[in-house]
Amino acid sequence: MIDKADTNFLLNYIRTIPDFPEPGIQFKDFTPLLGNKEALNKTSSLLVMPFKDEEVDYVAGLESRGFLLGPKLAQDLNAGFIPIRKPGKLPADTYSQKYELEYGSDSLEIHADALKKGDRVIIHDDLIATGGTVSAASKLVEKLGGIIVGFSFIMEIEFLNGTTSLDSSIPCRSLLKV
């Protein structure tokens, strides 16, 4: 569990950009956090803590901001990293899953050979909003036979209730609730 001092420290490095990428959206920008070495190191160490004893085989990071800390999380857990990307970005055979955003729809893809049945996977992204993206990623991991052992986020936008779309038996860890 993240303590109040760490929460307050990290929140200092999150800024809100109004009307991005569409009018009415209050975009949570964590690039200031990435640019501060102390905040970045704190975030990295806090992300790994809840999963250090889970015997993780892979961290699946969601395009694009899940790619920023997902590989470090995988490295710290002695696991591999699987990119889950937007359509047409992966070069080999893929599986695809459509999902809804708070302002439209999209789809994600995973390499068909990214993991094997029984592999233990954490799904990581920078934030969870409505839960559509991470739900689509979950379906892709499960389609390949992976076992989801956790969801990892830097931020959770609480009022959108995205975590309610996830399997409640799987641990869901968000460092910040905004």
C-alpha atoms as a PDB file:
ATOM      1  CA  MET A   1       0.000   0.000   0.000  1.00  0.00           C
ATOM      2  CA  ILE A   2       1.340   3.415  -0.910  1.00  0.00           C
ATOM      3  CA  ASP A   3       1.556   5.849   1.985  1.00  0.00           C
ATOM      4  CA  LYS A   4       0.146   9.389   2.007  1.00  0.00           C
ATOM      5  CA  ALA A   5       3.580  11.038   1.800  1.00  0.00           C
ATOM      6  CA  ASP A   6       4.445   9.069  -1.361  1.00  0.00           C
ATOM      7  CA  THR A   7       1.019   9.834  -2.847  1.00  0.00           C
ATOM      8  CA  ASN A   8       1.405  13.557  -2.213  1.00  0.00           C
ATOM      9  CA  PHE A   9       4.956  13.539  -3.573  1.00  0.00           C
ATOM     10  CA  LEU A  10       3.956  11.800  -6.820  1.00  0.00           C
ATOM     11  CA  LEU A  11       0.825  13.922  -7.291  1.00  0.00           C
ATOM     12  CA  ASN A  12       3.094  16.963  -7.544  1.00  0.00           C
ATOM     13  CA  TYR A  13       4.336  15.528 -10.859  1.00  0.00           C
ATOM     14  CA  ILE A  14       0.927  14.925 -12.462  1.00  0.00           C
ATOM     15  CA  ARG A  15      -0.622  17.786 -14.416  1.00  0.00           C
ATOM     16  CA  THR A  16      -4.064  18.086 -15.938  1.00  0.00           C
ATOM     17  CA  ILE A  17      -4.380  19.255 -19.540  1.00  0.00           C
ATOM     18  CA  PRO A  18      -7.959  20.406 -20.268  1.00  0.00           C
ATOM     19  CA  ASP A  19      -9.695  19.488 -23.538  1.00  0.00           C
ATOM     20  CA  PHE A  20      -7.031  17.008 -24.679  1.00  0.00           C
ATOM     21  CA  PRO A  21      -7.269  15.011 -26.888  1.00  0.00           C
ATOM     22  CA  GLU A  22     -10.904  16.055 -27.254  1.00  0.00           C
ATOM     23  CA  PRO A  23     -13.087  18.806 -25.742  1.00  0.00           C
ATOM     24  CA  GLY A  24     -14.305  17.835 -22.284  1.00  0.00           C
ATOM     25  CA  ILE A  25     -11.448  15.395 -21.535  1.00  0.00           C
ATOM     26  CA  GLN A  26      -9.207  16.287 -18.594  1.00  0.00           C
ATOM     27  CA  PHE A  27      -5.973  14.554 -19.650  1.00  0.00           C
ATOM     28  CA  LYS A  28      -3.703  13.394 -16.823  1.00  0.00           C
ATOM     29  CA  ASP A  29      -0.131  14.018 -17.970  1.00  0.00           C
ATOM     30  CA  PHE A  30       2.604  12.206 -16.100  1.00  0.00           C
ATOM     31  CA  THR A  31       5.549  13.354 -18.236  1.00  0.00           C
ATOM     32  CA  PRO A  32       6.696  15.666 -15.400  1.00  0.00           C
ATOM     33  CA  LEU A  33       6.982  12.521 -13.244  1.00  0.00           C
ATOM     34  CA  LEU A  34       9.165  10.881 -15.906  1.00  0.00           C
ATOM     35  CA  GLY A  35      11.383  13.946 -16.027  1.00  0.00           C
ATOM     36  CA  ASN A  36      12.142  13.987 -12.313  1.00  0.00           C
ATOM     37  CA  LYS A  37      14.622  11.269 -11.336  1.00  0.00           C
ATOM     38  CA  GLU A  38      13.421  11.047  -7.733  1.00  0.00           C
ATOM     39  CA  ALA A  39       9.755  10.760  -8.767  1.00  0.00           C
ATOM     40  CA  LEU A  40      10.611   8.256 -11.495  1.00  0.00           C
ATOM     41  CA  ASN A  41      12.644   6.072  -9.124  1.00  0.00           C
ATOM     42  CA  LYS A  42       9.903   6.222  -6.482  1.00  0.00           C
ATOM     43  CA  THR A  43       7.244   5.277  -9.037  1.00  0.00           C
ATOM     44  CA  SER A  44       9.320   2.381 -10.343  1.00  0.00           C
ATOM     45  CA  SER A  45       9.955   0.957  -6.869  1.00  0.00           C
ATOM     46  CA  LEU A  46       6.297   1.337  -5.828  1.00  0.00           C
ATOM     47  CA  LEU A  47       5.020  -0.388  -8.981  1.00  0.00           C
ATOM     48  CA  VAL A  48       6.995  -3.564  -8.292  1.00  0.00           C
ATOM     49  CA  MET A  49       6.172  -3.942  -4.572  1.00  0.00           C
ATOM     50  CA  PRO A  50       2.728  -5.599  -4.792  1.00  0.00           C
ATOM     51  CA  PHE A  51       3.900  -8.160  -7.348  1.00  0.00           C
ATOM     52  CA  LYS A  52       7.389  -9.124  -6.178  1.00  0.00           C
ATOM     53  CA  ASP A  53       6.256 -12.539  -4.875  1.00  0.00           C
ATOM     54  CA  GLU A  54       3.905 -13.433  -7.753  1.00  0.00           C
ATOM     55  CA  GLU A  55       6.313 -15.469  -9.966  1.00  0.00           C
ATOM     56  CA  VAL A  56       5.480 -13.329 -12.985  1.00  0.00           C
ATOM     57  CA  ASP A  57       6.490 -14.589 -16.442  1.00  0.00           C
ATOM     58  CA  TYR A  58       5.537 -11.436 -18.393  1.00  0.00           C
ATOM     59  CA  VAL A  59       4.463  -7.860 -18.001  1.00  0.00           C
ATOM     60  CA  ALA A  60       2.141  -6.880 -20.846  1.00  0.00           C
ATOM     61  CA  GLY A  61       2.383  -3.139 -21.458  1.00  0.00           C
ATOM     62  CA  LEU A  62      -0.322  -1.232 -23.302  1.00  0.00           C
ATOM     63  CA  GLU A  63       0.493   1.185 -26.102  1.00  0.00           C
ATOM     64  CA  SER A  64       1.791   3.650 -25.711  1.00  0.00           C
ATOM     65  CA  ARG A  65       2.364   4.909 -22.223  1.00  0.00           C
ATOM     66  CA  GLY A  66       2.399   1.416 -20.740  1.00  0.00           C
ATOM     67  CA  PHE A  67       5.650   0.996 -22.668  1.00  0.00           C
ATOM     68  CA  LEU A  68       7.398   3.659 -20.599  1.00  0.00           C
ATOM     69  CA  LEU A  69       7.575   1.827 -17.264  1.00  0.00           C
ATOM     70  CA  GLY A  70       6.331  -1.632 -18.270  1.00  0.00           C
ATOM     71  CA  PRO A  71       9.781  -2.892 -19.365  1.00  0.00           C
ATOM     72  CA  LYS A  72      11.338  -1.643 -16.105  1.00  0.00           C
ATOM     73  CA  LEU A  73       8.593  -3.363 -14.117  1.00  0.00           C
ATOM     74  CA  ALA A  74       9.296  -6.568 -16.080  1.00  0.00           C
ATOM     75  CA  GLN A  75      13.026  -6.249 -15.452  1.00  0.00           C
ATOM     76  CA  ASP A  76      12.503  -5.687 -11.720  1.00  0.00           C
ATOM     77  CA  LEU A  77      10.262  -8.780 -11.588  1.00  0.00           C
ATOM     78  CA  ASN A  78      12.742 -10.865 -13.622  1.00  0.00           C
ATOM     79  CA  ALA A  79      10.073 -11.270 -16.297  1.00  0.00           C
ATOM     80  CA  GLY A  80       9.733 -10.673 -20.014  1.00  0.00           C
ATOM     81  CA  PHE A  81       7.869  -7.779 -21.598  1.00  0.00           C
ATOM     82  CA  ILE A  82       5.023  -8.110 -24.110  1.00  0.00           C
ATOM     83  CA  PRO A  83       3.903  -5.056 -26.066  1.00  0.00           C
ATOM     84  CA  ILE A  84       0.176  -4.830 -26.725  1.00  0.00           C
ATOM     85  CA  ARG A  85      -0.202  -2.382 -29.579  1.00  0.00           C
ATOM     86  CA  LYS A  86      -2.594  -0.489 -31.806  1.00  0.00           C
ATOM     87  CA  PRO A  87      -3.503  -2.218 -35.099  1.00  0.00           C
ATOM     88  CA  GLY A  88      -0.844  -2.668 -37.758  1.00  0.00           C
ATOM     89  CA  LYS A  89       2.178  -2.027 -35.516  1.00  0.00           C
ATOM     90  CA  LEU A  90       3.242  -5.606 -34.776  1.00  0.00           C
ATOM     91  CA  PRO A  91       5.102  -7.396 -37.602  1.00  0.00           C
ATOM     92  CA  ALA A  92       4.122 -11.054 -37.027  1.00  0.00           C
ATOM     93  CA  ASP A  93       0.731 -12.817 -36.805  1.00  0.00           C
ATOM     94  CA  THR A  94      -1.561 -11.150 -34.284  1.00  0.00           C
ATOM     95  CA  TYR A  95      -4.836 -11.436 -32.443  1.00  0.00           C
ATOM     96  CA  SER A  96      -7.010  -8.333 -32.218  1.00  0.00           C
ATOM     97  CA  GLN A  97      -9.586  -7.076 -29.722  1.00  0.00           C
ATOM     98  CA  LYS A  98     -11.884  -4.052 -30.114  1.00  0.00           C
ATOM     99  CA  TYR A  99     -12.763  -1.804 -27.147  1.00  0.00           C
ATOM    100  CA  GLU A 100     -14.580   1.428 -26.324  1.00  0.00           C
ATOM    101  CA  LEU A 101     -12.903   4.608 -25.102  1.00  0.00           C
ATOM    102  CA  GLU A 102     -14.514   7.452 -23.193  1.00  0.00           C
ATOM    103  CA  TYR A 103     -14.414   9.347 -26.523  1.00  0.00           C
ATOM    104  CA  GLY A 104     -14.654   6.653 -29.259  1.00  0.00           C
ATOM    105  CA  SER A 105     -13.486   3.127 -30.035  1.00  0.00           C
ATOM    106  CA  ASP A 106     -10.231   1.427 -30.990  1.00  0.00           C
ATOM    107  CA  SER A 107      -8.582  -1.978 -30.955  1.00  0.00           C
ATOM    108  CA  LEU A 108      -5.441  -3.627 -29.651  1.00  0.00           C
ATOM    109  CA  GLU A 109      -3.254  -6.422 -30.978  1.00  0.00           C
ATOM    110  CA  ILE A 110      -0.872  -8.952 -29.494  1.00  0.00           C
ATOM    111  CA  HIS A 111       1.533 -11.289 -31.289  1.00  0.00           C
ATOM    112  CA  ALA A 112      -0.083 -14.712 -31.609  1.00  0.00           C
ATOM    113  CA  ASP A 113       3.060 -16.309 -30.141  1.00  0.00           C
ATOM    114  CA  ALA A 114       3.650 -13.756 -27.350  1.00  0.00           C
ATOM    115  CA  LEU A 115       3.031 -16.243 -24.558  1.00  0.00           C
ATOM    116  CA  LYS A 116       1.985 -19.801 -23.940  1.00  0.00           C
ATOM    117  CA  LYS A 117      -0.773 -21.416 -21.932  1.00  0.00           C
ATOM    118  CA  GLY A 118      -0.210 -21.011 -18.200  1.00  0.00           C
ATOM    119  CA  ASP A 119       2.185 -18.060 -18.420  1.00  0.00           C
ATOM    120  CA  ARG A 120       1.624 -15.635 -15.540  1.00  0.00           C
ATOM    121  CA  VAL A 121       1.050 -12.054 -16.696  1.00  0.00           C
ATOM    122  CA  ILE A 122       0.694  -8.607 -15.170  1.00  0.00           C
ATOM    123  CA  ILE A 123      -1.079  -6.082 -17.384  1.00  0.00           C
ATOM    124  CA  HIS A 124       0.417  -2.606 -16.990  1.00  0.00           C
ATOM    125  CA  ASP A 125      -0.616   0.836 -18.224  1.00  0.00           C
ATOM    126  CA  ASP A 126      -0.078   4.378 -17.058  1.00  0.00           C
ATOM    127  CA  LEU A 127      -3.706   4.813 -16.045  1.00  0.00           C
ATOM    128  CA  ILE A 128      -7.096   3.226 -15.928  1.00  0.00           C
ATOM    129  CA  ALA A 129     -10.067   5.355 -16.933  1.00  0.00           C
ATOM    130  CA  THR A 130     -13.165   3.473 -18.153  1.00  0.00           C
ATOM    131  CA  GLY A 131     -11.345   0.125 -18.192  1.00  0.00           C
ATOM    132  CA  GLY A 132     -11.967  -0.547 -21.878  1.00  0.00           C
ATOM    133  CA  THR A 133      -8.320  -0.746 -22.901  1.00  0.00           C
ATOM    134  CA  VAL A 134      -7.238  -3.019 -20.079  1.00  0.00           C
ATOM    135  CA  SER A 135     -10.318  -5.227 -20.549  1.00  0.00           C
ATOM    136  CA  ALA A 136      -9.384  -5.682 -24.215  1.00  0.00           C
ATOM    137  CA  ALA A 137      -5.801  -6.514 -23.219  1.00  0.00           C
ATOM    138  CA  SER A 138      -7.118  -9.048 -20.690  1.00  0.00           C
ATOM    139  CA  LYS A 139      -9.122 -10.802 -23.395  1.00  0.00           C
ATOM    140  CA  LEU A 140      -6.029 -10.993 -25.605  1.00  0.00           C
ATOM    141  CA  VAL A 141      -3.868 -12.456 -22.825  1.00  0.00           C
ATOM    142  CA  GLU A 142      -6.579 -14.972 -21.934  1.00  0.00           C
ATOM    143  CA  LYS A 143      -7.080 -15.881 -25.616  1.00  0.00           C
ATOM    144  CA  LEU A 144      -3.435 -16.997 -25.667  1.00  0.00           C
ATOM    145  CA  GLY A 145      -3.889 -19.019 -22.446  1.00  0.00           C
ATOM    146  CA  GLY A 146      -2.151 -16.567 -20.122  1.00  0.00           C
ATOM    147  CA  ILE A 147      -3.096 -16.256 -16.478  1.00  0.00           C
ATOM    148  CA  ILE A 148      -3.523 -12.652 -15.354  1.00  0.00           C
ATOM    149  CA  VAL A 149      -2.023 -12.299 -11.878  1.00  0.00           C
ATOM    150  CA  GLY A 150      -2.429  -8.546 -11.563  1.00  0.00           C
ATOM    151  CA  PHE A 151      -3.242  -5.171 -13.051  1.00  0.00           C
ATOM    152  CA  SER A 152      -0.765  -2.343 -12.540  1.00  0.00           C
ATOM    153  CA  PHE A 153      -1.394   1.375 -13.052  1.00  0.00           C
ATOM    154  CA  ILE A 154       0.281   4.606 -12.064  1.00  0.00           C
ATOM    155  CA  MET A 155      -3.089   6.389 -11.908  1.00  0.00           C
ATOM    156  CA  GLU A 156      -6.746   5.499 -11.575  1.00  0.00           C
ATOM    157  CA  ILE A 157      -9.398   8.023 -12.553  1.00  0.00           C
ATOM    158  CA  GLU A 158     -11.830   7.023  -9.834  1.00  0.00           C
ATOM    159  CA  PHE A 159     -15.065   8.645 -10.995  1.00  0.00           C
ATOM    160  CA  LEU A 160     -14.975   6.626 -14.244  1.00  0.00           C
ATOM    161  CA  ASN A 161     -15.110   3.346 -12.262  1.00  0.00           C
ATOM    162  CA  GLY A 162     -12.843   1.491 -14.695  1.00  0.00           C
ATOM    163  CA  THR A 163     -11.799  -1.109 -12.160  1.00  0.00           C
ATOM    164  CA  THR A 164     -15.383  -2.394 -11.984  1.00  0.00           C
ATOM    165  CA  SER A 165     -14.936  -3.756 -15.530  1.00  0.00           C
ATOM    166  CA  LEU A 166     -12.063  -5.988 -14.368  1.00  0.00           C
ATOM    167  CA  ASP A 167     -12.164  -9.422 -12.773  1.00  0.00           C
ATOM    168  CA  SER A 168     -12.433  -8.573  -9.062  1.00  0.00           C
ATOM    169  CA  SER A 169     -10.536 -11.746  -8.094  1.00  0.00           C
ATOM    170  CA  ILE A 170      -7.370 -10.346  -9.717  1.00  0.00           C
ATOM    171  CA  PRO A 171      -5.363  -7.773  -7.733  1.00  0.00           C
ATOM    172  CA  CYS A 172      -5.583  -4.276  -9.226  1.00  0.00           C
ATOM    173  CA  ARG A 173      -2.949  -1.827  -8.011  1.00  0.00           C
ATOM    174  CA  SER A 174      -2.984   1.903  -8.752  1.00  0.00           C
ATOM    175  CA  LEU A 175      -0.364   4.142  -7.168  1.00  0.00           C
ATOM    176  CA  LEU A 176      -2.535   7.249  -7.439  1.00  0.00           C
ATOM    177  CA  LYS A 177      -6.271   7.787  -7.442  1.00  0.00           C
ATOM    178  CA  VAL A 178      -7.212  11.033  -9.161  1.00  0.00           C
END
